[in-house]
C-alpha atoms as a PDB file:
ATOM      1  CA  MET A   1     109.844 102.879 123.365  1.00  0.00           C
ATOM      2  CA  SER A   2     108.255 100.588 120.845  1.00  0.00           C
ATOM      3  CA  LEU A   3     107.358 101.744 117.370  1.00  0.00           C
ATOM      4  CA  ASN A   4     104.878  98.910 116.939  1.00  0.00           C
ATOM      5  CA  ASN A   5     101.473 100.477 116.456  1.00  0.00           C
ATOM      6  CA  SER A   6      98.665  98.164 117.516  1.00  0.00           C
ATOM      7  CA  ARG A   7      96.118 100.265 115.609  1.00  0.00           C
ATOM      8  CA  THR A   8      96.784  99.482 111.988  1.00  0.00           C
ATOM      9  CA  THR A   9      94.828 101.381 109.394  1.00  0.00           C
ATOM     10  CA  ASN A  10      93.570 100.219 106.059  1.00  0.00           C
ATOM     11  CA  GLY A  11      95.546 102.455 103.696  1.00  0.00           C
ATOM     12  CA  THR A  12      93.722 101.153 100.646  1.00  0.00           C
ATOM     13  CA  ALA A  13      90.415 102.179 102.203  1.00  0.00           C
ATOM     14  CA  TRP A  14      91.653 105.700 102.819  1.00  0.00           C
ATOM     15  CA  ALA A  15      92.985 105.921  99.256  1.00  0.00           C
ATOM     16  CA  ALA A  16      89.557 104.843  97.964  1.00  0.00           C
ATOM     17  CA  PHE A  17      87.931 107.465 100.213  1.00  0.00           C
ATOM     18  CA  TRP A  18      90.087 110.330  98.922  1.00  0.00           C
ATOM     19  CA  PHE A  19      89.874 109.268  95.266  1.00  0.00           C
ATOM     20  CA  GLY A  20      86.095 108.964  95.601  1.00  0.00           C
ATOM     21  CA  LEU A  21      85.803 112.387  97.231  1.00  0.00           C
ATOM     22  CA  ALA A  22      88.004 113.996  94.573  1.00  0.00           C
ATOM     23  CA  GLY A  23      85.918 112.363  91.836  1.00  0.00           C
ATOM     24  CA  LEU A  24      82.712 113.682  93.382  1.00  0.00           C
ATOM     25  CA  VAL A  25      84.113 117.207  93.691  1.00  0.00           C
ATOM     26  CA  LEU A  26      85.498 117.278  90.129  1.00  0.00           C
ATOM     27  CA  MET A  27      82.483 115.664  88.436  1.00  0.00           C
ATOM     28  CA  PRO A  28      80.381 118.859  87.937  1.00  0.00           C
ATOM     29  CA  ILE A  29      83.033 120.576  85.767  1.00  0.00           C
ATOM     30  CA  PRO A  30      81.358 121.038  82.360  1.00  0.00           C
ATOM     31  CA  LEU A  31      82.476 120.246  78.799  1.00  0.00           C
ATOM     32  CA  PHE A  32      83.416 116.605  79.483  1.00  0.00           C
ATOM     33  CA  ILE A  33      86.268 117.641  81.794  1.00  0.00           C
ATOM     34  CA  GLY A  34      84.306 116.479  84.839  1.00  0.00           C
ATOM     35  CA  LEU A  35      83.336 113.285  83.061  1.00  0.00           C
ATOM     36  CA  ILE A  36      86.966 112.422  82.394  1.00  0.00           C
ATOM     37  CA  LEU A  37      88.468 113.621  85.687  1.00  0.00           C
ATOM     38  CA  GLY A  38      85.632 112.775  88.060  1.00  0.00           C
ATOM     39  CA  GLY A  39      84.657 109.578  86.297  1.00  0.00           C
ATOM     40  CA  GLY A  40      88.233 108.364  86.092  1.00  0.00           C
ATOM     41  CA  LEU A  41      88.940 109.028  89.740  1.00  0.00           C
ATOM     42  CA  SER A  42      85.687 107.401  90.810  1.00  0.00           C
ATOM     43  CA  LEU A  43      86.532 104.324  88.752  1.00  0.00           C
ATOM     44  CA  ILE A  44      89.890 104.085  90.529  1.00  0.00           C
ATOM     45  CA  ALA A  45      88.086 104.597  93.853  1.00  0.00           C
ATOM     46  CA  ALA A  46      85.662 101.775  93.066  1.00  0.00           C
ATOM     47  CA  VAL A  47      88.484  99.325  92.354  1.00  0.00           C
ATOM     48  CA  LEU A  48      90.363 100.377  95.484  1.00  0.00           C
ATOM     49  CA  ALA A  49      87.159 100.109  97.547  1.00  0.00           C
ATOM     50  CA  VAL A  50      86.639  96.497  96.516  1.00  0.00           C
ATOM     51  CA  ILE A  51      90.247  95.652  97.388  1.00  0.00           C
ATOM     52  CA  ALA A  52      89.977  97.516 100.711  1.00  0.00           C
ATOM     53  CA  LEU A  53      86.681  95.808 101.549  1.00  0.00           C
ATOM     54  CA  LEU A  54      88.226  92.383 101.044  1.00  0.00           C
ATOM     55  CA  LYS A  55      91.243  93.425 103.108  1.00  0.00           C
ATOM     56  CA  GLY A  56      88.995  94.814 105.850  1.00  0.00           C
ATOM     57  CA  LEU A  57      86.836  91.702 105.984  1.00  0.00           C
ATOM     58  CA  SER A  58      89.942  89.588 106.460  1.00  0.00           C
ATOM     59  CA  ARG A  59      90.748  91.812 109.481  1.00  0.00           C
ATOM     60  CA  GLN A  60      87.356  91.136 111.097  1.00  0.00           C
ATOM     61  CA  GLY A  61      85.840  94.356 109.751  1.00  0.00           C
ATOM     62  CA  LYS A  62      88.537  96.808 110.793  1.00  0.00           C
ATOM     63  CA  GLY A  63      88.913  99.767 108.451  1.00  0.00           C
ATOM     64  CA  ILE A  64      85.649  99.349 106.575  1.00  0.00           C
ATOM     65  CA  ALA A  65      84.152 102.776 107.395  1.00  0.00           C
ATOM     66  CA  PRO A  66      86.196 104.683 104.760  1.00  0.00           C
ATOM     67  CA  VAL A  67      85.191 102.031 102.226  1.00  0.00           C
ATOM     68  CA  VAL A  68      81.521 102.692 102.914  1.00  0.00           C
ATOM     69  CA  PHE A  69      81.977 106.420 102.400  1.00  0.00           C
ATOM     70  CA  ALA A  70      84.042 105.786  99.248  1.00  0.00           C
ATOM     71  CA  GLY A  71      81.191 103.662  97.901  1.00  0.00           C
ATOM     72  CA  ILE A  72      78.734 106.464  98.609  1.00  0.00           C
ATOM     73  CA  PHE A  73      80.978 108.990  96.839  1.00  0.00           C
ATOM     74  CA  VAL A  74      81.345 106.679  93.834  1.00  0.00           C
ATOM     75  CA  ALA A  75      77.579 106.103  93.653  1.00  0.00           C
ATOM     76  CA  LEU A  76      76.889 109.847  93.828  1.00  0.00           C
ATOM     77  CA  THR A  77      79.491 110.543  91.148  1.00  0.00           C
ATOM     78  CA  TRP A  78      78.135 107.907  88.776  1.00  0.00           C
ATOM     79  CA  GLY A  79      74.591 109.079  89.491  1.00  0.00           C
ATOM     80  CA  GLY A  80      75.578 112.645  88.686  1.00  0.00           C
ATOM     81  CA  ILE A  81      77.292 111.585  85.493  1.00  0.00           C
ATOM     82  CA  SER A  82      74.231 109.583  84.437  1.00  0.00           C
ATOM     83  CA  ILE A  83      72.050 112.711  84.605  1.00  0.00           C
ATOM     84  CA  GLY A  84      74.523 114.817  82.645  1.00  0.00           C
ATOM     85  CA  GLY A  85      77.046 116.018  85.187  1.00  0.00           C
ATOM     86  CA  GLY A  86      80.402 116.808  83.641  1.00  0.00           C
ATOM     87  CA  THR A  87      79.054 116.805  80.106  1.00  0.00           C
ATOM     88  CA  ILE A  88      76.627 119.740  79.799  1.00  0.00           C
ATOM     89  CA  TRP A  89      77.194 123.359  80.625  1.00  0.00           C
END
């Protein structure tokens, strides 16, 4: 029995996905807590998404789907922060 898995996953993409989702969920917490927690996690997710996108493109596009969702989560988080999410009650 071989332990070689032919389906390799893009771990960086999944990390970006989960950090982006956590940032989106934590962003609405008021009194700047959401700004710090949600904004910080979404910033980490954005950096990881760029790295994962480059890694996925070098693999002929494998593992890009979580990167797309991470980008959507990051955009929603930053959009929410820009209209006052995480800062006002």
